[in-house]
Amino acid sequence: MENSEENKLLKFPCLFPIKVIGNAREGLLDDIHDCVLSLTPGFERESLESRLSSNGNYQAVTVRITAESQEHLDNVYIALRRVTGVKFIL
């Protein structure tokens, strides 16, 4: 898909949910919050939704950001991949 087609799918700014799945550990929510806050000023920790897997090994975190552009969204994804313990980003 061409970049111009992608831009037609999303109109910026827009509210965009990102699901982050990582190893369950103390501090994961704080690290995700700090990561997103560095790229999205005003992002509030209280907006994060978190759930542990049935065995408690993994934690799924839903992050809802106001994406200002495709570049902004891409930068958030790239930064989240660097958070210790993150396995998947959807």
Protein backbone atom coordinates (compact mmCIF):
# COMPACT_ATOMS: atom_id res chain seq x y z
CA MET A 1 0.00 0.00 0.00
CA GLU A 2 1.33 3.41 -0.90
CA ASN A 3 1.84 6.02 1.76
CA SER A 4 -0.81 8.25 0.15
CA GLU A 5 -3.37 5.43 0.50
CA GLU A 6 -2.45 4.98 4.17
CA ASN A 7 -2.99 8.68 4.80
CA LYS A 8 -6.53 8.36 3.43
CA LEU A 9 -7.34 5.65 5.97
CA LEU A 10 -6.50 7.76 9.01
CA LYS A 11 -7.35 11.42 9.45
CA PHE A 12 -5.00 13.13 11.86
CA PRO A 13 -5.18 13.99 14.64
CA CYS A 14 -7.05 10.88 15.75
CA LEU A 15 -7.51 8.77 18.85
CA PHE A 16 -5.53 5.58 18.22
CA PRO A 17 -5.38 2.47 20.44
CA ILE A 18 -2.14 0.51 20.67
CA LYS A 19 -1.96 -2.89 22.38
CA VAL A 20 1.39 -3.67 24.01
CA ILE A 21 2.10 -7.18 25.28
CA GLY A 22 5.10 -7.79 27.47
CA ASN A 23 6.54 -9.90 30.22
CA ALA A 24 4.65 -9.17 33.43
CA ARG A 25 7.00 -7.24 35.67
CA GLU A 26 6.90 -4.48 38.21
CA GLY A 27 7.40 -1.15 36.49
CA LEU A 28 6.15 -2.15 33.04
CA LEU A 29 3.24 0.32 33.17
CA ASP A 30 5.54 3.10 34.36
CA ASP A 31 8.03 2.39 31.56
CA ILE A 32 5.29 2.35 28.92
CA HIS A 33 3.84 5.58 30.30
CA ASP A 34 7.24 7.31 30.32
CA CYS A 35 7.94 6.13 26.79
CA VAL A 36 4.65 7.42 25.39
CA LEU A 37 4.80 10.63 27.43
CA SER A 38 8.18 11.46 25.90
CA LEU A 39 6.50 11.57 22.47
CA THR A 40 2.98 12.61 23.44
CA PRO A 41 3.05 15.49 25.95
CA GLY A 42 0.15 15.40 28.37
CA PHE A 43 -0.33 11.63 28.10
CA GLU A 44 -1.83 10.47 31.38
CA ARG A 45 -0.89 7.22 33.12
CA GLU A 46 -4.51 6.75 34.20
CA SER A 47 -5.49 6.24 30.56
CA LEU A 48 -3.51 2.98 30.39
CA GLU A 49 -5.56 -0.21 30.66
CA SER A 50 -3.77 -3.33 31.84
CA ARG A 51 -4.58 -6.99 32.16
CA LEU A 52 -2.49 -9.99 33.24
CA SER A 53 -2.53 -13.28 31.34
CA SER A 54 -4.22 -16.25 33.02
CA ASN A 55 -0.86 -17.57 34.24
CA GLY A 56 0.40 -14.12 35.19
CA ASN A 57 3.41 -14.35 32.89
CA TYR A 58 2.37 -11.64 30.44
CA GLN A 59 0.73 -8.26 30.72
CA ALA A 60 -1.40 -6.67 28.00
CA VAL A 61 -1.52 -2.89 28.09
CA THR A 62 -3.81 -0.77 25.95
CA VAL A 63 -2.43 2.67 25.19
CA ARG A 64 -4.74 5.25 23.64
CA ILE A 65 -2.98 8.24 22.16
CA THR A 66 -3.97 11.19 20.06
CA ALA A 67 -1.84 10.52 17.00
CA GLU A 68 -0.86 13.79 15.35
CA SER A 69 0.52 12.24 12.15
CA GLN A 70 1.66 8.95 10.68
CA GLU A 71 5.22 9.88 11.62
CA HIS A 72 4.17 10.46 15.24
CA LEU A 73 2.42 7.08 15.33
CA ASP A 74 5.45 5.35 13.82
CA ASN A 75 7.75 6.97 16.38
CA VAL A 76 5.55 5.76 19.26
CA TYR A 77 5.65 2.19 17.90
CA ILE A 78 9.44 2.34 17.49
CA ALA A 79 9.92 3.69 21.02
CA LEU A 80 7.60 1.10 22.57
CA ARG A 81 9.64 -1.70 20.98
CA ARG A 82 12.59 -0.51 23.04
CA VAL A 83 10.80 -0.90 26.39
CA THR A 84 12.32 -3.77 28.36
CA GLY A 85 10.18 -6.91 28.20
CA VAL A 86 7.87 -5.81 25.38
CA LYS A 87 7.14 -8.79 23.11
CA PHE A 88 4.41 -7.59 20.73
CA ILE A 89 2.80 -4.34 19.69
CA LEU A 90 -0.50 -4.44 17.86
